[in-house]
Amino acid sequence: MKPLIKTQKARLGALLNQQEAAARSILDRAVGQRNGEPRDEPAIPDSGDADQAYAEQVIDKDLALAEHSARVLESVAKARSRLGANTYGVCVGCCADIAFERLIACPTATRCERCQTLYEHTHEGLSHPSM
């Protein structure tokens, strides 16, 4: 494996920090709303069943965002662990280097483009939906 140079590691580390901060922000808002803090959305007039349907839709969306954010945080933690163990940027499928450009686009990537494509075709419908 061709090791990442210091500037590449720094850039990828910064991207991981950005992903973590964004995911934590979403989770913090979701937790705050569950604890009774006001929502950022405007109030709508009371219209009975429509209000209930809207509230359920908002809760479902918030839950999906929180679940996605939790998966992002887990992926970031695993990427940092690989970075520390010098296995970051190595494909789990074929042990080839993951292209730096791919890591910039997806800092938590665990597969090279070829292996990721194969994985998506063979595991269609099994992965978590992305937001």
N, C-alpha and C. Protein backbone atom coordinates (compact mmCIF):
# COMPACT_ATOMS: atom_id res chain seq x y z
N MET A 1 0.83 -1.18 0.00
CA MET A 1 0.00 0.00 0.00
C MET A 1 0.87 1.24 0.00
N LYS A 2 0.51 2.18 -0.83
CA LYS A 2 1.20 3.46 -0.86
C LYS A 2 0.61 4.32 0.27
N PRO A 3 1.43 4.66 1.27
CA PRO A 3 0.88 5.41 2.41
C PRO A 3 0.46 6.82 2.02
N LEU A 4 -0.56 7.29 2.71
CA LEU A 4 -1.01 8.67 2.51
C LEU A 4 0.04 9.61 3.07
N ILE A 5 0.25 10.72 2.38
CA ILE A 5 1.20 11.70 2.89
C ILE A 5 0.51 12.56 3.95
N LYS A 6 1.32 13.27 4.72
CA LYS A 6 0.83 14.04 5.86
C LYS A 6 -0.28 15.02 5.47
N THR A 7 -0.11 15.72 4.35
CA THR A 7 -1.13 16.70 3.95
C THR A 7 -2.44 16.01 3.55
N GLN A 8 -2.34 14.82 2.94
CA GLN A 8 -3.55 14.07 2.59
C GLN A 8 -4.28 13.62 3.86
N LYS A 9 -3.52 13.12 4.83
CA LYS A 9 -4.12 12.70 6.09
C LYS A 9 -4.80 13.87 6.79
N ALA A 10 -4.15 15.02 6.77
CA ALA A 10 -4.72 16.21 7.41
C ALA A 10 -6.02 16.62 6.72
N ARG A 11 -6.03 16.60 5.40
CA ARG A 11 -7.23 16.98 4.65
C ARG A 11 -8.37 16.00 4.93
N LEU A 12 -8.06 14.72 4.92
CA LEU A 12 -9.08 13.70 5.19
C LEU A 12 -9.56 13.78 6.63
N GLY A 13 -8.65 14.06 7.56
CA GLY A 13 -9.04 14.23 8.96
C GLY A 13 -10.00 15.40 9.12
N ALA A 14 -9.74 16.49 8.41
CA ALA A 14 -10.63 17.65 8.46
C ALA A 14 -12.01 17.31 7.91
N LEU A 15 -12.05 16.53 6.84
CA LEU A 15 -13.34 16.12 6.27
C LEU A 15 -14.10 15.22 7.24
N LEU A 16 -13.39 14.34 7.91
CA LEU A 16 -14.03 13.50 8.93
C LEU A 16 -14.58 14.36 10.07
N ASN A 17 -13.82 15.39 10.46
CA ASN A 17 -14.30 16.31 11.50
C ASN A 17 -15.58 17.01 11.07
N GLN A 18 -15.64 17.44 9.80
CA GLN A 18 -16.84 18.11 9.29
C GLN A 18 -18.04 17.17 9.31
N GLN A 19 -17.82 15.93 8.87
CA GLN A 19 -18.92 14.96 8.89
C GLN A 19 -19.41 14.71 10.31
N GLU A 20 -18.47 14.58 11.23
CA GLU A 20 -18.84 14.34 12.62
C GLU A 20 -19.63 15.52 13.19
N ALA A 21 -19.16 16.74 12.94
CA ALA A 21 -19.84 17.92 13.46
C ALA A 21 -21.27 18.04 12.92
N ALA A 22 -21.44 17.78 11.63
CA ALA A 22 -22.77 17.85 11.03
C ALA A 22 -23.70 16.79 11.63
N ALA A 23 -23.19 15.58 11.78
CA ALA A 23 -24.01 14.50 12.35
C ALA A 23 -24.36 14.79 13.81
N ARG A 24 -23.41 15.29 14.57
CA ARG A 24 -23.68 15.62 15.99
C ARG A 24 -24.71 16.74 16.10
N SER A 25 -24.64 17.70 15.21
CA SER A 25 -25.59 18.81 15.22
C SER A 25 -27.02 18.29 15.00
N ILE A 26 -27.18 17.38 14.05
CA ILE A 26 -28.50 16.81 13.78
C ILE A 26 -28.99 16.02 14.99
N LEU A 27 -28.11 15.21 15.57
CA LEU A 27 -28.50 14.43 16.75
C LEU A 27 -28.83 15.34 17.93
N ASP A 28 -28.06 16.39 18.13
CA ASP A 28 -28.32 17.32 19.24
C ASP A 28 -29.69 17.98 19.08
N ARG A 29 -30.04 18.37 17.85
CA ARG A 29 -31.36 18.97 17.61
C ARG A 29 -32.46 17.95 17.89
N ALA A 30 -32.26 16.72 17.44
CA ALA A 30 -33.27 15.67 17.65
C ALA A 30 -33.46 15.40 19.13
N VAL A 31 -32.38 15.33 19.88
CA VAL A 31 -32.47 15.09 21.33
C VAL A 31 -33.13 16.29 22.00
N GLY A 32 -32.78 17.49 21.59
CA GLY A 32 -33.38 18.69 22.16
C GLY A 32 -34.88 18.74 21.94
N GLN A 33 -35.32 18.35 20.76
CA GLN A 33 -36.75 18.36 20.46
C GLN A 33 -37.48 17.30 21.27
N ARG A 34 -36.84 16.19 21.51
CA ARG A 34 -37.46 15.15 22.33
C ARG A 34 -37.57 15.61 23.78
N ASN A 35 -36.70 16.53 24.19
CA ASN A 35 -36.72 17.04 25.56
C ASN A 35 -37.58 18.28 25.70
N GLY A 36 -38.38 18.58 24.68
CA GLY A 36 -39.33 19.67 24.77
C GLY A 36 -38.86 21.01 24.24
N GLU A 37 -37.68 21.09 23.69
CA GLU A 37 -37.23 22.35 23.11
C GLU A 37 -38.06 22.63 21.86
N PRO A 38 -38.29 23.91 21.55
CA PRO A 38 -39.14 24.25 20.40
C PRO A 38 -38.48 23.87 19.08
N ARG A 39 -39.33 23.57 18.10
CA ARG A 39 -38.87 23.24 16.75
C ARG A 39 -38.55 24.53 16.00
N ASP A 40 -37.76 24.41 14.96
CA ASP A 40 -37.43 25.56 14.12
C ASP A 40 -38.50 25.82 13.07
N GLU A 41 -39.47 24.95 12.96
CA GLU A 41 -40.47 25.06 11.91
C GLU A 41 -41.62 25.95 12.37
N PRO A 42 -42.25 26.68 11.44
CA PRO A 42 -43.37 27.54 11.80
C PRO A 42 -44.58 26.72 12.22
N ALA A 43 -45.38 27.29 13.12
CA ALA A 43 -46.60 26.62 13.55
C ALA A 43 -47.63 26.70 12.45
N ILE A 44 -48.44 25.66 12.33
CA ILE A 44 -49.52 25.69 11.35
C ILE A 44 -50.83 25.71 12.12
N PRO A 45 -51.88 26.29 11.53
CA PRO A 45 -53.16 26.36 12.23
C PRO A 45 -53.68 24.95 12.53
N ASP A 46 -54.43 24.83 13.64
CA ASP A 46 -54.99 23.53 14.03
C ASP A 46 -56.02 23.09 13.01
N SER A 47 -55.79 21.92 12.44
CA SER A 47 -56.74 21.39 11.47
C SER A 47 -56.98 19.90 11.71
N GLY A 48 -56.90 19.48 12.95
CA GLY A 48 -57.26 18.12 13.33
C GLY A 48 -56.37 17.03 12.76
N ASP A 49 -56.95 16.17 11.93
CA ASP A 49 -56.24 15.03 11.37
C ASP A 49 -55.02 15.44 10.55
N ALA A 50 -55.13 16.56 9.86
CA ALA A 50 -53.99 17.03 9.05
C ALA A 50 -52.81 17.35 9.95
N ASP A 51 -53.08 17.95 11.12
CA ASP A 51 -52.01 18.24 12.08
C ASP A 51 -51.35 16.96 12.55
N GLN A 52 -52.16 15.95 12.85
CA GLN A 52 -51.62 14.68 13.34
C GLN A 52 -50.76 14.02 12.26
N ALA A 53 -51.24 14.03 11.03
CA ALA A 53 -50.47 13.43 9.92
C ALA A 53 -49.17 14.18 9.72
N TYR A 54 -49.23 15.51 9.80
CA TYR A 54 -48.02 16.32 9.64
C TYR A 54 -47.04 16.02 10.76
N ALA A 55 -47.54 15.95 11.99
CA ALA A 55 -46.67 15.69 13.15
C ALA A 55 -46.00 14.32 13.01
N GLU A 56 -46.74 13.33 12.56
CA GLU A 56 -46.16 11.99 12.37
C GLU A 56 -45.10 12.00 11.27
N GLN A 57 -45.36 12.75 10.22
CA GLN A 57 -44.39 12.85 9.12
C GLN A 57 -43.10 13.52 9.61
N VAL A 58 -43.22 14.57 10.40
CA VAL A 58 -42.06 15.27 10.94
C VAL A 58 -41.27 14.35 11.87
N ILE A 59 -41.97 13.61 12.71
CA ILE A 59 -41.31 12.68 13.63
C ILE A 59 -40.57 11.60 12.85
N ASP A 60 -41.22 11.06 11.82
CA ASP A 60 -40.57 10.03 10.99
C ASP A 60 -39.31 10.57 10.33
N LYS A 61 -39.40 11.80 9.82
CA LYS A 61 -38.23 12.42 9.17
C LYS A 61 -37.11 12.64 10.18
N ASP A 62 -37.47 13.15 11.35
CA ASP A 62 -36.46 13.39 12.39
C ASP A 62 -35.80 12.09 12.83
N LEU A 63 -36.60 11.04 12.97
CA LEU A 63 -36.05 9.74 13.38
C LEU A 63 -35.09 9.21 12.31
N ALA A 64 -35.48 9.32 11.05
CA ALA A 64 -34.61 8.87 9.96
C ALA A 64 -33.30 9.65 9.95
N LEU A 65 -33.39 10.96 10.14
CA LEU A 65 -32.17 11.79 10.18
C LEU A 65 -31.28 11.41 11.36
N ALA A 66 -31.89 11.16 12.51
CA ALA A 66 -31.11 10.78 13.69
C ALA A 66 -30.44 9.43 13.49
N GLU A 67 -31.16 8.46 12.91
CA GLU A 67 -30.57 7.14 12.65
C GLU A 67 -29.42 7.25 11.65
N HIS A 68 -29.63 8.05 10.61
CA HIS A 68 -28.57 8.25 9.61
C HIS A 68 -27.35 8.90 10.26
N SER A 69 -27.59 9.89 11.10
CA SER A 69 -26.49 10.59 11.77
C SER A 69 -25.72 9.65 12.69
N ALA A 70 -26.43 8.76 13.37
CA ALA A 70 -25.75 7.78 14.23
C ALA A 70 -24.86 6.86 13.40
N ARG A 71 -25.34 6.44 12.22
CA ARG A 71 -24.51 5.60 11.34
C ARG A 71 -23.30 6.37 10.83
N VAL A 72 -23.48 7.66 10.54
CA VAL A 72 -22.36 8.49 10.09
C VAL A 72 -21.31 8.57 11.20
N LEU A 73 -21.75 8.82 12.43
CA LEU A 73 -20.81 8.91 13.56
C LEU A 73 -20.05 7.60 13.74
N GLU A 74 -20.73 6.49 13.59
CA GLU A 74 -20.06 5.18 13.70
C GLU A 74 -19.04 5.01 12.58
N SER A 75 -19.40 5.40 11.36
CA SER A 75 -18.48 5.29 10.22
C SER A 75 -17.26 6.19 10.41
N VAL A 76 -17.48 7.39 10.94
CA VAL A 76 -16.37 8.31 11.18
C VAL A 76 -15.42 7.73 12.23
N ALA A 77 -15.98 7.18 13.30
CA ALA A 77 -15.14 6.58 14.35
C ALA A 77 -14.31 5.43 13.80
N LYS A 78 -14.93 4.60 12.97
CA LYS A 78 -14.20 3.47 12.37
C LYS A 78 -13.11 3.98 11.42
N ALA A 79 -13.41 5.03 10.66
CA ALA A 79 -12.41 5.60 9.74
C ALA A 79 -11.22 6.15 10.52
N ARG A 80 -11.50 6.83 11.63
CA ARG A 80 -10.41 7.36 12.47
C ARG A 80 -9.56 6.22 13.03
N SER A 81 -10.20 5.14 13.41
CA SER A 81 -9.48 3.98 13.92
C SER A 81 -8.56 3.41 12.83
N ARG A 82 -9.08 3.30 11.61
CA ARG A 82 -8.25 2.82 10.50
C ARG A 82 -7.11 3.78 10.20
N LEU A 83 -7.39 5.07 10.31
CA LEU A 83 -6.35 6.08 10.07
C LEU A 83 -5.22 5.91 11.08
N GLY A 84 -5.58 5.68 12.33
CA GLY A 84 -4.57 5.48 13.38
C GLY A 84 -3.81 4.17 13.23
N ALA A 85 -4.45 3.17 12.65
CA ALA A 85 -3.82 1.85 12.48
C ALA A 85 -3.12 1.72 11.13
N ASN A 86 -3.09 2.81 10.37
CA ASN A 86 -2.49 2.81 9.03
C ASN A 86 -3.13 1.82 8.08
N THR A 87 -4.41 1.53 8.28
CA THR A 87 -5.16 0.70 7.33
C THR A 87 -6.20 1.53 6.60
N TYR A 88 -6.24 2.82 6.88
CA TYR A 88 -7.16 3.73 6.21
C TYR A 88 -6.77 3.83 4.74
N GLY A 89 -7.78 3.77 3.87
CA GLY A 89 -7.51 3.88 2.44
C GLY A 89 -7.20 2.55 1.78
N VAL A 90 -7.33 1.45 2.53
CA VAL A 90 -7.12 0.11 1.98
C VAL A 90 -8.49 -0.56 1.85
N CYS A 91 -8.80 -1.05 0.66
CA CYS A 91 -10.08 -1.68 0.38
C CYS A 91 -10.25 -2.96 1.19
N VAL A 92 -11.40 -3.11 1.85
CA VAL A 92 -11.67 -4.33 2.61
C VAL A 92 -12.00 -5.50 1.69
N GLY A 93 -12.29 -5.21 0.43
CA GLY A 93 -12.64 -6.26 -0.51
C GLY A 93 -11.46 -6.90 -1.20
N CYS A 94 -10.52 -6.06 -1.65
CA CYS A 94 -9.41 -6.59 -2.45
C CYS A 94 -8.04 -6.17 -1.93
N CYS A 95 -7.99 -5.41 -0.87
CA CYS A 95 -6.76 -4.92 -0.24
C CYS A 95 -5.97 -3.94 -1.11
N ALA A 96 -6.58 -3.45 -2.18
CA ALA A 96 -5.93 -2.43 -3.01
C ALA A 96 -6.13 -1.06 -2.36
N ASP A 97 -5.35 -0.10 -2.80
CA ASP A 97 -5.52 1.27 -2.30
C ASP A 97 -6.83 1.84 -2.81
N ILE A 98 -7.51 2.58 -1.96
CA ILE A 98 -8.69 3.34 -2.37
C ILE A 98 -8.18 4.67 -2.90
N ALA A 99 -8.63 5.06 -4.06
CA ALA A 99 -8.16 6.30 -4.69
C ALA A 99 -8.38 7.49 -3.75
N PHE A 100 -7.39 8.37 -3.68
CA PHE A 100 -7.49 9.55 -2.82
C PHE A 100 -8.72 10.37 -3.19
N GLU A 101 -9.02 10.47 -4.48
CA GLU A 101 -10.19 11.23 -4.93
C GLU A 101 -11.47 10.63 -4.35
N ARG A 102 -11.52 9.31 -4.27
CA ARG A 102 -12.70 8.66 -3.68
C ARG A 102 -12.78 8.96 -2.19
N LEU A 103 -11.64 8.95 -1.52
CA LEU A 103 -11.63 9.26 -0.09
C LEU A 103 -12.04 10.71 0.17
N ILE A 104 -11.68 11.61 -0.72
CA ILE A 104 -12.11 13.01 -0.59
C ILE A 104 -13.63 13.08 -0.72
N ALA A 105 -14.18 12.34 -1.69
CA ALA A 105 -15.62 12.35 -1.91
C ALA A 105 -16.37 11.65 -0.78
N CYS A 106 -15.76 10.60 -0.23
CA CYS A 106 -16.38 9.81 0.84
C CYS A 106 -15.30 9.38 1.82
N PRO A 107 -14.96 10.23 2.78
CA PRO A 107 -13.86 9.93 3.70
C PRO A 107 -14.03 8.66 4.53
N THR A 108 -15.25 8.15 4.63
CA THR A 108 -15.48 6.93 5.40
C THR A 108 -15.49 5.68 4.52
N ALA A 109 -15.14 5.82 3.25
CA ALA A 109 -15.17 4.68 2.32
C ALA A 109 -14.28 3.54 2.82
N THR A 110 -14.79 2.32 2.67
CA THR A 110 -14.02 1.14 3.06
C THR A 110 -13.69 0.26 1.86
N ARG A 111 -14.23 0.62 0.69
CA ARG A 111 -14.00 -0.17 -0.51
C ARG A 111 -13.55 0.73 -1.66
N CYS A 112 -12.75 0.16 -2.55
CA CYS A 112 -12.40 0.86 -3.78
C CYS A 112 -13.66 0.93 -4.65
N GLU A 113 -13.59 1.72 -5.70
CA GLU A 113 -14.77 1.91 -6.54
C GLU A 113 -15.27 0.58 -7.13
N ARG A 114 -14.36 -0.24 -7.59
CA ARG A 114 -14.73 -1.52 -8.21
C ARG A 114 -15.43 -2.42 -7.19
N CYS A 115 -14.85 -2.56 -6.02
CA CYS A 115 -15.45 -3.43 -4.99
C CYS A 115 -16.77 -2.86 -4.46
N GLN A 116 -16.88 -1.54 -4.37
CA GLN A 116 -18.12 -0.92 -3.91
C GLN A 116 -19.24 -1.18 -4.90
N THR A 117 -18.93 -1.06 -6.19
CA THR A 117 -19.93 -1.34 -7.23
C THR A 117 -20.39 -2.79 -7.14
N LEU A 118 -19.46 -3.71 -7.01
CA LEU A 118 -19.79 -5.13 -6.87
C LEU A 118 -20.64 -5.36 -5.62
N TYR A 119 -20.25 -4.74 -4.52
CA TYR A 119 -20.99 -4.88 -3.26
C TYR A 119 -22.43 -4.39 -3.43
N GLU A 120 -22.61 -3.25 -4.07
CA GLU A 120 -23.95 -2.69 -4.25
C GLU A 120 -24.81 -3.60 -5.12
N HIS A 121 -24.22 -4.23 -6.13
CA HIS A 121 -24.98 -5.13 -6.99
C HIS A 121 -25.35 -6.43 -6.28
N THR A 122 -24.47 -6.92 -5.43
CA THR A 122 -24.73 -8.20 -4.76
C THR A 122 -25.51 -8.04 -3.46
N HIS A 123 -25.58 -6.84 -2.94
CA HIS A 123 -26.31 -6.59 -1.69
C HIS A 123 -27.45 -5.61 -1.89
N GLU A 124 -27.99 -5.56 -3.08
CA GLU A 124 -29.05 -4.62 -3.40
C GLU A 124 -30.23 -4.78 -2.44
N GLY A 125 -30.67 -3.67 -1.89
CA GLY A 125 -31.81 -3.67 -0.99
C GLY A 125 -31.48 -4.02 0.45
N LEU A 126 -30.24 -4.40 0.74
CA LEU A 126 -29.88 -4.78 2.10
C LEU A 126 -29.27 -3.64 2.89
N SER A 127 -28.77 -2.63 2.20
CA SER A 127 -28.10 -1.54 2.91
C SER A 127 -29.13 -0.53 3.41
N HIS A 128 -28.67 0.32 4.31
CA HIS A 128 -29.51 1.38 4.84
C HIS A 128 -29.70 2.44 3.77
N PRO A 129 -30.89 3.02 3.67
CA PRO A 129 -31.07 4.10 2.71
C PRO A 129 -30.24 5.30 3.11
N SER A 130 -29.73 6.00 2.13
CA SER A 130 -28.95 7.20 2.43
C SER A 130 -29.83 8.42 2.30
N MET A 131 -29.46 9.45 2.99
CA MET A 131 -30.25 10.68 2.97
C MET A 131 -29.71 11.59 1.91
